[in-house]
């Protein structure tokens, strides 16, 4: 399974609608997610876990 895009709407610190492009290209083969403390990196991983496992996904 290859994710091409993640769309968040009012999820955690992401208010409104946000699109995250996850497509890679030959000159950009790896997607890195970085940011300051409290920037929402873990929330992105929680969103992916929720998509994969549903509402009963254990969110740490």
Foldseek 3Di string as FASTA:
>chain_A
DDDQKDWDDPQQPDHGIDIDGPDADPVRRDDDDDDDVVPCPLSVVVSVQCVVPNPVRDRD
